[in-house]
C-alpha atoms as a PDB file:
ATOM      1  CA  MET A   1     126.543  99.431 157.453  1.00  0.00           C
ATOM      2  CA  SER A   2     125.231  96.111 156.001  1.00  0.00           C
ATOM      3  CA  LEU A   3     121.555  95.873 156.814  1.00  0.00           C
ATOM      4  CA  LEU A   4     121.236  91.952 154.738  1.00  0.00           C
ATOM      5  CA  GLY A   5     123.795  89.579 153.810  1.00  0.00           C
ATOM      6  CA  ALA A   6     124.158  86.083 152.545  1.00  0.00           C
ATOM      7  CA  SER A   7     126.418  83.501 152.130  1.00  0.00           C
ATOM      8  CA  GLN A   8     126.917  80.422 150.177  1.00  0.00           C
ATOM      9  CA  LEU A   9     123.270  79.871 150.073  1.00  0.00           C
ATOM     10  CA  ASN A  10     122.184  77.311 147.898  1.00  0.00           C
ATOM     11  CA  LEU A  11     118.365  75.885 147.337  1.00  0.00           C
ATOM     12  CA  HIS A  12     117.079  72.779 144.882  1.00  0.00           C
ATOM     13  CA  TYR A  13     113.508  71.558 144.239  1.00  0.00           C
ATOM     14  CA  ALA A  14     113.635  67.885 144.083  1.00  0.00           C
ATOM     15  CA  ASP A  15     116.996  67.190 141.729  1.00  0.00           C
ATOM     16  CA  ILE A  16     116.852  70.387 140.003  1.00  0.00           C
ATOM     17  CA  GLU A  17     119.517  73.194 141.405  1.00  0.00           C
ATOM     18  CA  ILE A  18     117.825  76.097 141.323  1.00  0.00           C
ATOM     19  CA  PHE A  19     120.660  78.480 142.660  1.00  0.00           C
ATOM     20  CA  SER A  20     123.903  77.837 144.674  1.00  0.00           C
ATOM     21  CA  ASP A  21     126.676  79.401 146.251  1.00  0.00           C
ATOM     22  CA  VAL A  22     124.959  82.700 145.952  1.00  0.00           C
ATOM     23  CA  THR A  23     127.127  85.477 148.239  1.00  0.00           C
ATOM     24  CA  LEU A  24     125.491  89.367 148.608  1.00  0.00           C
ATOM     25  CA  GLN A  25     125.450  92.073 150.505  1.00  0.00           C
ATOM     26  CA  VAL A  26     123.092  95.123 150.988  1.00  0.00           C
ATOM     27  CA  ASN A  27     124.175  97.990 152.619  1.00  0.00           C
ATOM     28  CA  GLU A  28     121.840 100.689 153.660  1.00  0.00           C
ATOM     29  CA  LYS A  29     120.341 103.211 151.382  1.00  0.00           C
ATOM     30  CA  ALA A  30     121.721 100.900 148.222  1.00  0.00           C
ATOM     31  CA  HIS A  31     119.639 100.171 145.499  1.00  0.00           C
ATOM     32  CA  ILE A  32     119.838  96.721 144.008  1.00  0.00           C
ATOM     33  CA  GLY A  33     118.443  94.954 141.150  1.00  0.00           C
ATOM     34  CA  ILE A  34     118.081  91.312 140.487  1.00  0.00           C
ATOM     35  CA  VAL A  35     117.795  90.134 137.201  1.00  0.00           C
ATOM     36  CA  GLY A  36     117.700  86.891 135.172  1.00  0.00           C
ATOM     37  CA  PRO A  37     115.397  84.713 132.573  1.00  0.00           C
ATOM     38  CA  ASN A  38     112.140  83.345 133.419  1.00  0.00           C
ATOM     39  CA  GLY A  39     112.516  80.429 135.667  1.00  0.00           C
ATOM     40  CA  SER A  40     116.149  81.471 136.934  1.00  0.00           C
ATOM     41  CA  GLY A  41     115.414  81.876 140.738  1.00  0.00           C
ATOM     42  CA  LYS A  42     114.526  85.693 141.241  1.00  0.00           C
ATOM     43  CA  THR A  43     111.672  85.257 143.265  1.00  0.00           C
ATOM     44  CA  SER A  44     112.420  81.895 144.915  1.00  0.00           C
ATOM     45  CA  LEU A  45     115.900  84.487 145.917  1.00  0.00           C
ATOM     46  CA  LEU A  46     113.558  86.871 147.558  1.00  0.00           C
ATOM     47  CA  ARG A  47     111.237  84.231 149.268  1.00  0.00           C
ATOM     48  CA  VAL A  48     114.479  82.692 150.820  1.00  0.00           C
ATOM     49  CA  LEU A  49     116.510  86.139 151.949  1.00  0.00           C
ATOM     50  CA  LEU A  50     112.619  87.424 153.135  1.00  0.00           C
ATOM     51  CA  GLY A  51     112.256  83.640 155.732  1.00  0.00           C
ATOM     52  CA  MET A  52     109.321  83.389 153.396  1.00  0.00           C
ATOM     53  CA  GLN A  53     110.863  80.039 151.846  1.00  0.00           C
ATOM     54  CA  ASP A  54     113.182  77.184 153.488  1.00  0.00           C
ATOM     55  CA  PHE A  55     116.652  77.176 151.662  1.00  0.00           C
ATOM     56  CA  ASP A  56     118.961  73.760 151.696  1.00  0.00           C
ATOM     57  CA  GLY A  57     122.667  75.451 152.765  1.00  0.00           C
ATOM     58  CA  GLY A  58     124.309  78.803 153.859  1.00  0.00           C
ATOM     59  CA  ASP A  59     123.690  81.273 156.099  1.00  0.00           C
ATOM     60  CA  ILE A  60     121.996  84.599 156.187  1.00  0.00           C
ATOM     61  CA  PHE A  61     122.452  87.980 158.268  1.00  0.00           C
ATOM     62  CA  LYS A  62     120.133  91.031 158.834  1.00  0.00           C
ATOM     63  CA  SER A  63     120.354  93.389 160.966  1.00  0.00           C
END
């Protein structure tokens, strides 16, 4: 069962693309990791998924 999903998420700050076309699915009892260099949008992605930050496009699905 999918607890959280996202399809083609996009986020920009001014003219800077933070991430684009992010698609993911988190299933029940899954262990996940988000890895990337500083400034690559990891925290912004989590804030978007938690509803703490607006995003420019795409869809988020929560169970």
